[in-house]
Amino acid sequence: MMLPRTPSFRLDGRRALVTGAGRGIGLALAAALAEAGAAVTLAARTSEEIEAGAGAIRAAGGDARAAVLDVTDLEAVATFFAGSPAFHCLVNNAGTNRPKPMQEVSEADYDAVLDLNVKSAFFVAQHCARRMIAEGAAGSLIHIGSQMGHVGGPNRSLYCASKWAMEGMSKAFALDLAPFGIRSNTLAPTFIETPMTRPFFEDESFRASVLAKIKLGRLGKVEDLMGAALFLASDASALVTGTSLVVDGGWTAD
C-alpha cells in the first residue's frame, strides 16, 4: 500500500521578505522561515536592528540579509521591488497601534494607524505580487492581522478598523491572485508579549482583563506564531487561501 506523504514544510530554494523584521513578531517569523531553508530578507526603517537580526540568523546557519525600507514611502517600496528578484513568500508585518477611546482619536492618529496597517500593507503586497507574476513565481502572501480583525475591543477602534480591513483585503487578493498560484492569508494573533506590547502589560488591571479573555490562560509568545507562519508559507498549506489562521488562545471562540 502506498501511503500519502505529508507535504513539505521546508522552504529550500525560496526567497522570503519580512517587513517590520527588526524585533518581536517580525524577527521571530524571519527566523522561522530561515530555519526552514528560505533565503530571508529582513526589512525595516532603520538598519541597526535588522542588521543584528540578519546576523543572528546567519550565525544560526540561516540565509538572511537586511534591507532598509520605509514601507510608508511608496516610491521607495516600488524601487525596492524593482531591484529585487521575486519573492516566494511575503510576511506583511509592519504595523502600529494608538490605543485610545474612539472619542479621543485625532486625524493624526487615524492617519498613522491606517496608513501603515492598511495602505502600506496593500502596496507592499501589490508590488510583491507584480514581481511574482512577472517572473512566474508562485507563493504565499501572509498578512499579520489580529484577533481584533475578528472582534471589537475597547480603545481599539483604529486598530480594529485596520485589521478588519486587512481581512477583506486579503480575501480579495486571494481571488485576484489565485490564477497565478499566489495565495493570500492572514495570521491573526492574540496579545503577544513583544517589546512593543510589554509596557501595556505593566498595568495589572489591563493584564488581568486580557488573561480573562484568553481561554488558555496565558499571553502569547512569538514562538506561538512561528509554526503557523511556516505552515502558511509552505506547501503544507497549498490549498489554503483567502482565510485567516487565528492564534488567539480561544479569545474569539467565546
Protein backbone atom coordinates (compact mmCIF):
# COMPACT_ATOMS: atom_id res chain seq x y z
CA MET A 1 0.00 0.00 0.00
CA MET A 2 1.28 3.46 -0.92
CA LEU A 3 0.60 5.86 1.91
CA PRO A 4 0.13 9.57 1.20
CA ARG A 5 3.09 11.69 2.24
CA THR A 6 2.81 14.88 4.27
CA PRO A 7 3.62 17.89 2.06
CA SER A 8 6.90 19.50 2.96
CA PHE A 9 7.20 22.34 5.45
CA ARG A 10 10.66 23.09 4.02
CA LEU A 11 11.33 26.30 2.09
CA ASP A 12 14.66 25.45 0.48
CA GLY A 13 15.34 27.47 -2.65
CA ARG A 14 12.69 30.06 -1.86
CA ARG A 15 13.07 33.74 -1.10
CA ALA A 16 11.07 35.41 1.68
CA LEU A 17 10.57 39.03 2.69
CA VAL A 18 9.52 40.05 6.19
CA THR A 19 8.62 43.68 6.88
CA GLY A 20 8.91 45.17 10.35
CA ALA A 21 11.51 42.49 10.96
CA GLY A 22 13.76 44.22 13.46
CA ARG A 23 12.26 42.65 16.57
CA GLY A 24 9.24 40.96 18.07
CA ILE A 25 6.93 39.05 15.75
CA GLY A 26 8.74 40.07 12.55
CA LEU A 27 12.14 38.86 13.72
CA ALA A 28 10.68 35.60 15.02
CA LEU A 29 8.93 34.87 11.73
CA ALA A 30 12.06 35.69 9.76
CA ALA A 31 13.96 33.21 11.94
CA ALA A 32 11.28 30.55 11.40
CA LEU A 33 11.38 30.89 7.62
CA ALA A 34 15.17 30.85 7.57
CA GLU A 35 15.27 27.75 9.78
CA ALA A 36 13.07 26.04 7.17
CA GLY A 37 15.59 26.87 4.43
CA ALA A 38 14.34 30.14 2.94
CA ALA A 39 16.66 32.97 1.98
CA VAL A 40 15.12 35.72 4.09
CA THR A 41 15.27 39.48 3.67
CA LEU A 42 14.57 41.42 6.86
CA ALA A 43 13.15 44.88 6.11
CA ALA A 44 12.57 47.84 8.43
CA ARG A 45 13.10 51.60 8.53
CA THR A 46 16.38 51.57 10.44
CA SER A 47 19.36 49.34 9.90
CA GLU A 48 20.63 48.56 13.40
CA GLU A 49 18.03 46.00 14.49
CA ILE A 50 17.62 44.26 11.14
CA GLU A 51 21.39 44.00 10.67
CA ALA A 52 21.61 42.40 14.11
CA GLY A 53 18.69 40.09 13.35
CA ALA A 54 20.09 39.02 10.00
CA GLY A 55 23.45 38.43 11.62
CA ALA A 56 21.90 36.24 14.31
CA ILE A 57 20.07 34.19 11.67
CA ARG A 58 23.29 33.70 9.72
CA ALA A 59 25.11 32.71 12.91
CA ALA A 60 22.45 30.04 13.44
CA GLY A 61 23.13 28.66 9.95
CA GLY A 62 20.42 30.51 8.03
CA ASP A 63 20.49 32.71 4.95
CA ALA A 64 19.48 36.29 5.77
CA ARG A 65 20.14 39.83 4.70
CA ALA A 66 18.94 43.23 5.90
CA ALA A 67 17.23 45.83 3.71
CA VAL A 68 16.44 49.32 4.96
CA LEU A 69 12.92 50.10 3.74
CA ASP A 70 10.27 52.51 4.98
CA VAL A 71 7.06 50.85 3.78
CA THR A 72 5.15 54.13 4.14
CA ASP A 73 7.35 55.59 1.37
CA LEU A 74 5.61 54.09 -1.64
CA GLU A 75 8.25 55.33 -4.05
CA ALA A 76 10.89 53.53 -2.01
CA VAL A 77 8.72 50.40 -1.98
CA ALA A 78 8.45 50.46 -5.78
CA THR A 79 12.21 50.95 -6.12
CA PHE A 80 12.94 48.11 -3.70
CA PHE A 81 10.83 45.57 -5.56
CA ALA A 82 12.10 46.75 -8.96
CA GLY A 83 15.63 45.97 -7.79
CA SER A 84 14.89 42.57 -6.23
CA PRO A 85 14.15 39.17 -7.73
CA ALA A 86 10.66 37.86 -7.00
CA PHE A 87 9.97 36.64 -3.51
CA HIS A 88 8.07 33.40 -2.96
CA CYS A 89 6.79 34.49 0.45
CA LEU A 90 5.86 37.87 1.89
CA VAL A 91 5.22 38.40 5.58
CA ASN A 92 3.41 41.74 5.68
CA ASN A 93 4.18 42.51 9.32
CA ALA A 94 4.92 46.23 9.69
CA GLY A 95 2.19 47.83 11.78
CA THR A 96 1.34 50.15 14.64
CA ASN A 97 -1.35 50.92 17.20
CA ARG A 98 -2.56 54.00 19.06
CA PRO A 99 -4.97 52.67 21.68
CA LYS A 100 -7.46 55.23 22.95
CA PRO A 101 -11.25 55.67 23.16
CA MET A 102 -12.81 56.48 19.80
CA GLN A 103 -13.98 59.87 21.03
CA GLU A 104 -10.34 60.85 21.64
CA VAL A 105 -8.92 59.73 18.28
CA SER A 106 -7.36 62.53 16.24
CA GLU A 107 -6.93 62.71 12.49
CA ALA A 108 -3.20 62.25 13.01
CA ASP A 109 -3.86 59.06 14.99
CA TYR A 110 -6.14 57.79 12.23
CA ASP A 111 -3.61 58.50 9.50
CA ALA A 112 -0.73 56.92 11.44
CA VAL A 113 -2.54 53.64 12.02
CA LEU A 114 -4.49 53.25 8.77
CA ASP A 115 -1.66 54.44 6.52
CA LEU A 116 0.78 51.87 7.88
CA ASN A 117 -1.53 48.97 8.71
CA VAL A 118 -3.65 49.14 5.55
CA LYS A 119 -2.25 51.41 2.84
CA SER A 120 1.36 50.34 3.17
CA ALA A 121 0.42 46.68 3.56
CA PHE A 122 -1.70 46.91 0.39
CA PHE A 123 1.00 48.39 -1.79
CA VAL A 124 3.80 46.20 -0.44
CA ALA A 125 1.64 43.20 -1.33
CA GLN A 126 0.81 44.69 -4.74
CA HIS A 127 4.44 45.26 -5.69
CA CYS A 128 5.43 41.85 -4.37
CA ALA A 129 2.65 40.14 -6.35
CA ARG A 130 3.53 42.02 -9.54
CA ARG A 131 7.10 40.72 -9.38
CA MET A 132 5.87 37.20 -8.64
CA ILE A 133 3.52 37.30 -11.64
CA ALA A 134 6.20 38.76 -13.93
CA GLU A 135 8.65 36.00 -13.02
CA GLY A 136 6.12 33.18 -12.78
CA ALA A 137 6.86 32.67 -9.10
CA ALA A 138 4.00 31.03 -7.22
CA GLY A 139 3.92 31.57 -3.49
CA SER A 140 2.29 32.89 -0.37
CA LEU A 141 1.36 36.32 0.98
CA ILE A 142 0.98 36.29 4.76
CA HIS A 143 -0.50 39.41 6.33
CA ILE A 144 -0.11 39.78 10.08
CA GLY A 145 -3.58 40.64 11.23
CA SER A 146 -5.01 40.26 14.69
CA GLN A 147 -7.83 38.72 16.66
CA MET A 148 -9.01 42.35 16.58
CA GLY A 149 -9.72 41.79 12.91
CA HIS A 150 -12.46 39.38 14.01
CA VAL A 151 -13.91 41.08 17.11
CA GLY A 152 -14.07 44.52 18.67
CA GLY A 153 -12.20 45.81 21.68
CA PRO A 154 -12.25 48.84 23.96
CA ASN A 155 -9.79 51.57 22.96
CA ARG A 156 -9.10 49.69 19.72
CA SER A 157 -11.28 51.48 17.14
CA LEU A 158 -8.37 52.35 14.85
CA TYR A 159 -6.64 49.01 15.25
CA CYS A 160 -9.86 47.09 14.67
CA ALA A 161 -10.63 49.21 11.62
CA SER A 162 -7.22 48.47 10.16
CA LYS A 163 -7.21 44.75 10.91
CA TRP A 164 -10.79 44.16 9.72
CA ALA A 165 -9.76 45.98 6.53
CA MET A 166 -6.78 43.67 6.21
CA GLU A 167 -9.08 40.63 6.38
CA GLY A 168 -11.21 41.85 3.49
CA MET A 169 -8.17 42.97 1.55
CA SER A 170 -6.54 39.56 1.87
CA LYS A 171 -9.68 37.70 0.75
CA ALA A 172 -9.91 39.84 -2.37
CA PHE A 173 -6.17 39.40 -3.01
CA ALA A 174 -6.71 35.63 -2.85
CA LEU A 175 -9.31 35.81 -5.60
CA ASP A 176 -7.28 38.09 -7.86
CA LEU A 177 -4.06 36.12 -7.45
CA ALA A 178 -5.31 32.52 -7.48
CA PRO A 179 -4.87 32.19 -11.26
CA PHE A 180 -1.15 32.88 -10.76
CA GLY A 181 -0.66 30.32 -7.99
CA ILE A 182 -0.26 33.04 -5.36
CA ARG A 183 -2.08 32.51 -2.08
CA SER A 184 -3.09 35.22 0.41
CA ASN A 185 -3.98 34.65 4.06
CA THR A 186 -3.86 36.45 7.37
CA LEU A 187 -2.25 35.27 10.58
CA ALA A 188 -4.33 36.68 13.43
CA PRO A 189 -2.70 36.56 16.89
CA THR A 190 -3.99 37.45 20.30
CA PHE A 191 -1.89 39.70 22.56
CA ILE A 192 1.75 38.67 22.12
CA GLU A 193 4.45 39.77 24.53
CA THR A 194 6.89 41.84 22.46
CA PRO A 195 8.98 44.96 23.08
CA MET A 196 6.05 46.99 21.67
CA THR A 197 3.34 45.46 23.87
CA ARG A 198 5.28 44.82 27.08
CA PRO A 199 4.68 48.30 28.56
CA PHE A 200 0.89 47.78 28.27
CA PHE A 201 1.09 44.70 30.49
CA GLU A 202 2.68 46.65 33.32
CA ASP A 203 -0.89 47.81 34.00
CA GLU A 204 -2.12 44.93 36.15
CA SER A 205 -5.80 45.61 35.50
CA PHE A 206 -5.22 45.54 31.75
CA ARG A 207 -3.15 42.36 32.03
CA ALA A 208 -5.90 40.71 34.08
CA SER A 209 -8.60 41.74 31.59
CA VAL A 210 -6.60 40.24 28.73
CA LEU A 211 -5.88 36.99 30.54
CA ALA A 212 -9.57 36.64 31.38
CA LYS A 213 -10.33 36.55 27.63
CA ILE A 214 -7.53 34.18 26.59
CA LYS A 215 -9.03 30.83 27.49
CA LEU A 216 -5.67 29.03 27.59
CA GLY A 217 -4.72 31.36 30.41
CA ARG A 218 -1.53 33.00 29.21
CA LEU A 219 -0.26 35.72 26.93
CA GLY A 220 1.06 34.70 23.55
CA LYS A 221 4.75 34.35 22.78
CA VAL A 222 6.34 34.95 19.40
CA GLU A 223 7.13 31.23 19.29
CA ASP A 224 3.38 30.55 19.17
CA LEU A 225 3.28 32.16 15.70
CA MET A 226 6.35 30.59 14.14
CA GLY A 227 4.81 27.25 13.22
CA ALA A 228 1.64 28.92 11.96
CA ALA A 229 3.62 31.21 9.65
CA LEU A 230 5.71 28.30 8.39
CA PHE A 231 2.52 26.37 7.60
CA LEU A 232 1.13 29.28 5.56
CA ALA A 233 4.43 29.80 3.75
CA SER A 234 4.96 26.16 2.81
CA ASP A 235 3.44 23.52 0.56
CA ALA A 236 1.69 22.13 3.64
CA SER A 237 -0.96 24.85 3.07
CA ALA A 238 -1.11 24.54 -0.72
CA LEU A 239 -4.93 24.68 -0.81
CA VAL A 240 -5.28 27.38 1.87
CA THR A 241 -6.07 30.85 0.57
CA GLY A 242 -8.43 33.70 1.40
CA THR A 243 -8.76 32.77 5.05
CA SER A 244 -7.38 33.64 8.48
CA LEU A 245 -5.36 31.47 10.82
CA VAL A 246 -6.40 32.72 14.26
CA VAL A 247 -3.86 32.09 17.03
CA ASP A 248 -5.72 33.57 19.98
CA GLY A 249 -5.85 31.02 22.79
CA GLY A 250 -9.64 30.86 22.43
CA TRP A 251 -10.38 34.61 22.67
CA THR A 252 -12.71 34.70 19.66
CA ALA A 253 -14.34 31.34 20.47
CA ASP A 254 -16.39 32.89 23.29
